[in-house]
Amino acid sequence: MQKEESCWKRIGVWGKEEPRCPKLKEVIHCRNCDLFTQAGRNLLERDLPVEYKNEWGQILLEKKGEDPIGTFPVVTFRVEGEWLALPARVFSEIMDKVSIHTLPHRKKEVLKGLVNVHGEIQICVSLERLIGLEEEAEDKEKEQKLHERMMVVSKDGDVWVFPVKEIHGIHHVHPELFQNVPVTITKSKSTFTKEIFKWKDEHVALLDDELLFYSLKRSIQ
């Protein structure tokens, strides 16, 4: 039996069926509806399906041509003032920044709320809160607004969305270029950093994806 499509994708703001949902006159937008909020709460209590592959995901995960021999593909991005990286295999999509719908009575620092990704509700989190990065100066932050994006990652059936200040893209790193984590790095950041590598004039922290996703799960419980 085919699973019934969610009402907000059929007769709500993201749907095309007629007649439209009568509740829209009262709530204006689906994200203000109790059904949408409850669906978000249910999402936090179950494994999330990963059933879509879109154009950005194909670009990231199935890049044309062969990777340079012996290199490790990562995606580099900036959160606050820090350049970070994760294995390219965990990325599903890069998308423009969208509105975040906060959940009532859920005051978790790491949990930012829910976002709409092609009509599907996904959890949005704050990497800077999880890792413990300092906020960027306000004047510099304003200069980088045009580069802000959201990244969709998935691992073991769990899907996460997190905002970033800037994205470089795929970077192929040879294992010989990885460096040990300096003792001068902050304790919170070093906890999630496996290794460091040099890119242009920046030192990029390769995050431990296993620990990162495990910690994300724990942080929203």
C-alpha atoms as a PDB file:
ATOM      1  CA  MET A   1       0.000   0.000   0.000  1.00  0.00           C
ATOM      2  CA  GLN A   2       1.369   3.422  -0.943  1.00  0.00           C
ATOM      3  CA  LYS A   3       1.969   5.751   1.976  1.00  0.00           C
ATOM      4  CA  GLU A   4      -0.417   8.728   2.023  1.00  0.00           C
ATOM      5  CA  GLU A   5       1.346  11.988   1.304  1.00  0.00           C
ATOM      6  CA  SER A   6       1.391  14.576   4.096  1.00  0.00           C
ATOM      7  CA  CYS A   7      -1.478  17.085   3.942  1.00  0.00           C
ATOM      8  CA  TRP A   8       0.841  20.116   3.726  1.00  0.00           C
ATOM      9  CA  LYS A   9       2.267  18.662   0.513  1.00  0.00           C
ATOM     10  CA  ARG A  10      -1.207  17.998  -0.978  1.00  0.00           C
ATOM     11  CA  ILE A  11      -3.622  20.723   0.116  1.00  0.00           C
ATOM     12  CA  GLY A  12      -1.302  22.973   2.138  1.00  0.00           C
ATOM     13  CA  VAL A  13       1.138  25.704   1.122  1.00  0.00           C
ATOM     14  CA  TRP A  14       3.435  23.207  -0.633  1.00  0.00           C
ATOM     15  CA  GLY A  15       0.607  21.366  -2.438  1.00  0.00           C
ATOM     16  CA  LYS A  16      -1.418  21.946  -5.563  1.00  0.00           C
ATOM     17  CA  GLU A  17      -4.595  19.958  -4.909  1.00  0.00           C
ATOM     18  CA  GLU A  18      -7.995  21.619  -4.631  1.00  0.00           C
ATOM     19  CA  PRO A  19      -9.843  22.425  -2.497  1.00  0.00           C
ATOM     20  CA  ARG A  20      -7.164  23.971  -0.308  1.00  0.00           C
ATOM     21  CA  CYS A  21      -6.959  23.153   3.394  1.00  0.00           C
ATOM     22  CA  PRO A  22      -9.686  25.094   5.276  1.00  0.00           C
ATOM     23  CA  LYS A  23      -7.306  25.608   8.233  1.00  0.00           C
ATOM     24  CA  LEU A  24      -5.102  27.929   6.142  1.00  0.00           C
ATOM     25  CA  LYS A  25      -7.578  30.780   6.643  1.00  0.00           C
ATOM     26  CA  GLU A  26      -6.917  30.541  10.374  1.00  0.00           C
ATOM     27  CA  VAL A  27      -3.242  29.554  10.622  1.00  0.00           C
ATOM     28  CA  ILE A  28      -2.023  31.305   7.408  1.00  0.00           C
ATOM     29  CA  HIS A  29       0.890  28.863   6.945  1.00  0.00           C
ATOM     30  CA  CYS A  30       1.251  25.112   7.514  1.00  0.00           C
ATOM     31  CA  ARG A  31       4.133  25.622   9.932  1.00  0.00           C
ATOM     32  CA  ASN A  32       1.641  27.269  12.329  1.00  0.00           C
ATOM     33  CA  CYS A  33      -0.659  24.235  12.256  1.00  0.00           C
ATOM     34  CA  ASP A  34      -0.810  21.685  15.093  1.00  0.00           C
ATOM     35  CA  LEU A  35      -0.554  18.806  12.614  1.00  0.00           C
ATOM     36  CA  PHE A  36       2.713  20.153  11.204  1.00  0.00           C
ATOM     37  CA  THR A  37       4.137  20.735  14.702  1.00  0.00           C
ATOM     38  CA  GLN A  38       3.132  17.251  15.850  1.00  0.00           C
ATOM     39  CA  ALA A  39       4.769  15.736  12.771  1.00  0.00           C
ATOM     40  CA  GLY A  40       7.953  17.525  13.739  1.00  0.00           C
ATOM     41  CA  ARG A  41       7.795  16.146  17.272  1.00  0.00           C
ATOM     42  CA  ASN A  42       7.245  12.628  15.926  1.00  0.00           C
ATOM     43  CA  LEU A  43      10.265  13.118  13.702  1.00  0.00           C
ATOM     44  CA  LEU A  44      12.477  13.623  16.730  1.00  0.00           C
ATOM     45  CA  GLU A  45      11.400  10.268  18.130  1.00  0.00           C
ATOM     46  CA  ARG A  46      12.074   8.027  15.129  1.00  0.00           C
ATOM     47  CA  ASP A  47      14.657   7.244  12.485  1.00  0.00           C
ATOM     48  CA  LEU A  48      14.384   9.575   9.509  1.00  0.00           C
ATOM     49  CA  PRO A  49      14.020   8.120   5.983  1.00  0.00           C
ATOM     50  CA  VAL A  50      16.652   8.969   3.391  1.00  0.00           C
ATOM     51  CA  GLU A  51      14.855   8.378   0.083  1.00  0.00           C
ATOM     52  CA  TYR A  52      15.809  11.307  -2.096  1.00  0.00           C
ATOM     53  CA  LYS A  53      18.821  12.158  -4.223  1.00  0.00           C
ATOM     54  CA  ASN A  54      18.713  15.559  -5.845  1.00  0.00           C
ATOM     55  CA  GLU A  55      20.939  17.464  -8.198  1.00  0.00           C
ATOM     56  CA  TRP A  56      23.258  18.857  -5.492  1.00  0.00           C
ATOM     57  CA  GLY A  57      23.591  15.459  -3.921  1.00  0.00           C
ATOM     58  CA  GLN A  58      24.614  13.954  -7.240  1.00  0.00           C
ATOM     59  CA  ILE A  59      27.199  16.681  -7.723  1.00  0.00           C
ATOM     60  CA  LEU A  60      28.684  16.036  -4.286  1.00  0.00           C
ATOM     61  CA  LEU A  61      28.504  12.267  -4.172  1.00  0.00           C
ATOM     62  CA  GLU A  62      28.899  11.298  -7.823  1.00  0.00           C
ATOM     63  CA  LYS A  63      31.338  13.867  -9.093  1.00  0.00           C
ATOM     64  CA  LYS A  64      32.328  13.181 -12.688  1.00  0.00           C
ATOM     65  CA  GLY A  65      35.696  11.600 -13.259  1.00  0.00           C
ATOM     66  CA  GLU A  66      37.838   9.622 -10.866  1.00  0.00           C
ATOM     67  CA  ASP A  67      39.159  10.993  -7.616  1.00  0.00           C
ATOM     68  CA  PRO A  68      42.920  11.527  -7.554  1.00  0.00           C
ATOM     69  CA  ILE A  69      44.570   8.276  -6.484  1.00  0.00           C
ATOM     70  CA  GLY A  70      45.113   8.012  -2.736  1.00  0.00           C
ATOM     71  CA  THR A  71      43.158  11.144  -1.822  1.00  0.00           C
ATOM     72  CA  PHE A  72      40.308  11.511   0.662  1.00  0.00           C
ATOM     73  CA  PRO A  73      37.313  13.612  -0.575  1.00  0.00           C
ATOM     74  CA  VAL A  74      35.915  16.051   1.979  1.00  0.00           C
ATOM     75  CA  VAL A  75      33.562  19.014   1.825  1.00  0.00           C
ATOM     76  CA  THR A  76      34.982  22.180   3.378  1.00  0.00           C
ATOM     77  CA  PHE A  77      32.750  24.855   4.877  1.00  0.00           C
ATOM     78  CA  ARG A  78      32.915  27.712   7.360  1.00  0.00           C
ATOM     79  CA  VAL A  79      30.947  27.931  10.605  1.00  0.00           C
ATOM     80  CA  GLU A  80      31.414  31.281  12.352  1.00  0.00           C
ATOM     81  CA  GLY A  81      35.133  32.036  11.881  1.00  0.00           C
ATOM     82  CA  GLU A  82      36.310  28.411  11.598  1.00  0.00           C
ATOM     83  CA  TRP A  83      36.892  26.319   8.472  1.00  0.00           C
ATOM     84  CA  LEU A  84      35.696  22.749   8.973  1.00  0.00           C
ATOM     85  CA  ALA A  85      35.357  19.613   6.853  1.00  0.00           C
ATOM     86  CA  LEU A  86      33.367  16.381   6.801  1.00  0.00           C
ATOM     87  CA  PRO A  87      33.694  13.321   4.538  1.00  0.00           C
ATOM     88  CA  ALA A  88      31.948  13.975   1.208  1.00  0.00           C
ATOM     89  CA  ARG A  89      30.008  10.719   1.504  1.00  0.00           C
ATOM     90  CA  VAL A  90      27.729  12.090   4.257  1.00  0.00           C
ATOM     91  CA  PHE A  91      26.433  15.033   2.193  1.00  0.00           C
ATOM     92  CA  SER A  92      23.083  14.841   0.429  1.00  0.00           C
ATOM     93  CA  GLU A  93      22.482  18.435  -0.582  1.00  0.00           C
ATOM     94  CA  ILE A  94      23.555  22.062  -0.408  1.00  0.00           C
ATOM     95  CA  MET A  95      20.631  24.491  -0.362  1.00  0.00           C
ATOM     96  CA  ASP A  96      19.883  28.174   0.018  1.00  0.00           C
ATOM     97  CA  LYS A  97      19.109  29.387   3.510  1.00  0.00           C
ATOM     98  CA  VAL A  98      15.442  28.853   4.457  1.00  0.00           C
ATOM     99  CA  SER A  99      13.271  29.774   7.429  1.00  0.00           C
ATOM    100  CA  ILE A 100      13.674  27.690  10.582  1.00  0.00           C
ATOM    101  CA  HIS A 101      10.464  26.737  12.398  1.00  0.00           C
ATOM    102  CA  THR A 102      11.139  26.536  16.124  1.00  0.00           C
ATOM    103  CA  LEU A 103       9.344  23.930  18.229  1.00  0.00           C
ATOM    104  CA  PRO A 104       7.315  25.018  21.266  1.00  0.00           C
ATOM    105  CA  HIS A 105       8.682  23.869  24.622  1.00  0.00           C
ATOM    106  CA  ARG A 106      11.932  22.620  23.020  1.00  0.00           C
ATOM    107  CA  LYS A 107      14.675  24.908  24.342  1.00  0.00           C
ATOM    108  CA  LYS A 108      17.759  22.977  23.278  1.00  0.00           C
ATOM    109  CA  GLU A 109      20.831  25.017  22.391  1.00  0.00           C
ATOM    110  CA  VAL A 110      21.893  22.626  19.628  1.00  0.00           C
ATOM    111  CA  LEU A 111      18.386  22.054  18.245  1.00  0.00           C
ATOM    112  CA  LYS A 112      17.441  25.099  16.157  1.00  0.00           C
ATOM    113  CA  GLY A 113      14.096  23.743  14.911  1.00  0.00           C
ATOM    114  CA  LEU A 114      12.630  22.248  11.743  1.00  0.00           C
ATOM    115  CA  VAL A 115      13.105  23.180   8.093  1.00  0.00           C
ATOM    116  CA  ASN A 116      11.306  22.265   4.904  1.00  0.00           C
ATOM    117  CA  VAL A 117      13.466  20.362   2.410  1.00  0.00           C
ATOM    118  CA  HIS A 118      11.422  19.734  -0.740  1.00  0.00           C
ATOM    119  CA  GLY A 119       8.253  19.282   1.295  1.00  0.00           C
ATOM    120  CA  GLU A 120       9.871  17.005   3.875  1.00  0.00           C
ATOM    121  CA  ILE A 121      10.371  18.109   7.493  1.00  0.00           C
ATOM    122  CA  GLN A 122      13.985  17.802   8.637  1.00  0.00           C
ATOM    123  CA  ILE A 123      15.776  18.660  11.869  1.00  0.00           C
ATOM    124  CA  CYS A 124      17.971  21.775  11.844  1.00  0.00           C
ATOM    125  CA  VAL A 125      20.872  21.952  14.284  1.00  0.00           C
ATOM    126  CA  SER A 126      23.625  24.348  15.285  1.00  0.00           C
ATOM    127  CA  LEU A 127      27.152  23.019  14.788  1.00  0.00           C
ATOM    128  CA  GLU A 128      28.652  26.066  16.458  1.00  0.00           C
ATOM    129  CA  ARG A 129      26.708  25.288  19.647  1.00  0.00           C
ATOM    130  CA  LEU A 130      27.609  21.608  19.548  1.00  0.00           C
ATOM    131  CA  ILE A 131      31.299  22.160  18.891  1.00  0.00           C
ATOM    132  CA  GLY A 132      31.591  25.283  21.035  1.00  0.00           C
ATOM    133  CA  LEU A 133      32.705  27.846  18.446  1.00  0.00           C
ATOM    134  CA  GLU A 134      32.787  31.541  19.266  1.00  0.00           C
ATOM    135  CA  GLU A 135      30.354  33.797  17.434  1.00  0.00           C
ATOM    136  CA  GLU A 136      31.823  35.911  14.665  1.00  0.00           C
ATOM    137  CA  ALA A 137      32.040  39.666  15.016  1.00  0.00           C
ATOM    138  CA  GLU A 138      28.818  41.330  13.843  1.00  0.00           C
ATOM    139  CA  ASP A 139      30.449  43.628  11.268  1.00  0.00           C
ATOM    140  CA  LYS A 140      32.257  40.736   9.594  1.00  0.00           C
ATOM    141  CA  GLU A 141      29.158  38.579   9.745  1.00  0.00           C
ATOM    142  CA  LYS A 142      27.179  41.123   7.726  1.00  0.00           C
ATOM    143  CA  GLU A 143      29.784  40.999   4.955  1.00  0.00           C
ATOM    144  CA  GLN A 144      29.296  37.231   4.565  1.00  0.00           C
ATOM    145  CA  LYS A 145      25.463  37.086   4.444  1.00  0.00           C
ATOM    146  CA  LEU A 146      25.453  36.463   0.691  1.00  0.00           C
ATOM    147  CA  HIS A 147      27.501  33.269   1.140  1.00  0.00           C
ATOM    148  CA  GLU A 148      25.278  31.652   3.771  1.00  0.00           C
ATOM    149  CA  ARG A 149      23.839  28.249   2.885  1.00  0.00           C
ATOM    150  CA  MET A 150      22.348  25.179   4.537  1.00  0.00           C
ATOM    151  CA  MET A 151      23.863  21.726   4.297  1.00  0.00           C
ATOM    152  CA  VAL A 152      21.891  18.480   4.400  1.00  0.00           C
ATOM    153  CA  VAL A 153      23.814  15.456   5.689  1.00  0.00           C
ATOM    154  CA  SER A 154      22.738  11.896   6.389  1.00  0.00           C
ATOM    155  CA  LYS A 155      24.208   8.940   8.215  1.00  0.00           C
ATOM    156  CA  ASP A 156      22.713   5.605   9.283  1.00  0.00           C
ATOM    157  CA  GLY A 157      19.216   6.749   8.369  1.00  0.00           C
ATOM    158  CA  ASP A 158      19.409  10.057  10.245  1.00  0.00           C
ATOM    159  CA  VAL A 159      19.129  13.351   8.359  1.00  0.00           C
ATOM    160  CA  TRP A 160      20.448  16.652   9.711  1.00  0.00           C
ATOM    161  CA  VAL A 161      20.420  20.205   8.341  1.00  0.00           C
ATOM    162  CA  PHE A 162      22.771  22.899   9.582  1.00  0.00           C
ATOM    163  CA  PRO A 163      23.493  26.486   8.464  1.00  0.00           C
ATOM    164  CA  VAL A 164      26.990  27.522   7.411  1.00  0.00           C
ATOM    165  CA  LYS A 165      28.529  30.903   6.708  1.00  0.00           C
ATOM    166  CA  GLU A 166      30.330  29.814   3.560  1.00  0.00           C
ATOM    167  CA  ILE A 167      31.035  26.714   1.462  1.00  0.00           C
ATOM    168  CA  HIS A 168      34.125  25.887  -0.564  1.00  0.00           C
ATOM    169  CA  GLY A 169      33.007  22.502  -1.904  1.00  0.00           C
ATOM    170  CA  ILE A 170      34.792  19.204  -2.420  1.00  0.00           C
ATOM    171  CA  HIS A 171      38.480  19.123  -1.557  1.00  0.00           C
ATOM    172  CA  HIS A 172      40.668  16.070  -2.169  1.00  0.00           C
ATOM    173  CA  VAL A 173      43.191  15.665   0.631  1.00  0.00           C
ATOM    174  CA  HIS A 174      46.081  13.234   0.522  1.00  0.00           C
ATOM    175  CA  PRO A 175      46.521  11.410   3.855  1.00  0.00           C
ATOM    176  CA  GLU A 176      50.115  12.639   4.062  1.00  0.00           C
ATOM    177  CA  LEU A 177      48.799  16.202   4.375  1.00  0.00           C
ATOM    178  CA  PHE A 178      46.837  15.474   7.537  1.00  0.00           C
ATOM    179  CA  GLN A 179      48.366  16.875  10.718  1.00  0.00           C
ATOM    180  CA  ASN A 180      47.796  16.070  14.360  1.00  0.00           C
ATOM    181  CA  VAL A 181      45.468  18.319  16.323  1.00  0.00           C
ATOM    182  CA  PRO A 182      47.545  21.056  18.011  1.00  0.00           C
ATOM    183  CA  VAL A 183      47.440  21.211  21.806  1.00  0.00           C
ATOM    184  CA  THR A 184      46.611  24.925  21.512  1.00  0.00           C
ATOM    185  CA  ILE A 185      43.207  24.227  19.981  1.00  0.00           C
ATOM    186  CA  THR A 186      40.215  24.738  22.268  1.00  0.00           C
ATOM    187  CA  LYS A 187      39.126  21.626  24.149  1.00  0.00           C
ATOM    188  CA  SER A 188      35.546  21.672  22.799  1.00  0.00           C
ATOM    189  CA  LYS A 189      36.698  21.893  19.187  1.00  0.00           C
ATOM    190  CA  SER A 190      39.496  19.352  19.608  1.00  0.00           C
ATOM    191  CA  THR A 191      36.965  16.802  20.897  1.00  0.00           C
ATOM    192  CA  PHE A 192      35.325  16.657  17.477  1.00  0.00           C
ATOM    193  CA  THR A 193      38.482  17.154  15.377  1.00  0.00           C
ATOM    194  CA  LYS A 194      40.215  14.069  13.983  1.00  0.00           C
ATOM    195  CA  GLU A 195      42.953  15.838  12.034  1.00  0.00           C
ATOM    196  CA  ILE A 196      43.985  19.169  10.568  1.00  0.00           C
ATOM    197  CA  PHE A 197      44.968  19.946   6.989  1.00  0.00           C
ATOM    198  CA  LYS A 198      46.196  23.090   5.240  1.00  0.00           C
ATOM    199  CA  TRP A 199      44.021  24.632   2.530  1.00  0.00           C
ATOM    200  CA  LYS A 200      45.195  27.880   0.941  1.00  0.00           C
ATOM    201  CA  ASP A 201      46.086  30.029   3.975  1.00  0.00           C
ATOM    202  CA  GLU A 202      43.629  28.297   6.285  1.00  0.00           C
ATOM    203  CA  HIS A 203      43.913  25.363   8.662  1.00  0.00           C
ATOM    204  CA  VAL A 204      40.827  23.185   8.238  1.00  0.00           C
ATOM    205  CA  ALA A 205      39.582  20.870  10.996  1.00  0.00           C
ATOM    206  CA  LEU A 206      38.402  17.483   9.711  1.00  0.00           C
ATOM    207  CA  LEU A 207      35.545  16.542  12.042  1.00  0.00           C
ATOM    208  CA  ASP A 208      34.963  13.066  13.427  1.00  0.00           C
ATOM    209  CA  ASP A 209      31.649  12.283  11.714  1.00  0.00           C
ATOM    210  CA  GLU A 210      30.918   9.251  13.926  1.00  0.00           C
ATOM    211  CA  LEU A 211      31.246  11.299  17.127  1.00  0.00           C
ATOM    212  CA  LEU A 212      29.499  14.313  15.588  1.00  0.00           C
ATOM    213  CA  PHE A 213      26.338  12.462  14.596  1.00  0.00           C
ATOM    214  CA  TYR A 214      26.283  10.474  17.842  1.00  0.00           C
ATOM    215  CA  SER A 215      26.494  13.737  19.796  1.00  0.00           C
ATOM    216  CA  LEU A 216      23.749  15.330  17.692  1.00  0.00           C
ATOM    217  CA  LYS A 217      21.405  12.480  18.574  1.00  0.00           C
ATOM    218  CA  ARG A 218      22.204  12.807  22.279  1.00  0.00           C
ATOM    219  CA  SER A 219      21.848  16.602  22.230  1.00  0.00           C
ATOM    220  CA  ILE A 220      18.181  16.639  21.140  1.00  0.00           C
ATOM    221  CA  GLN A 221      16.917  13.932  23.468  1.00  0.00           C
END
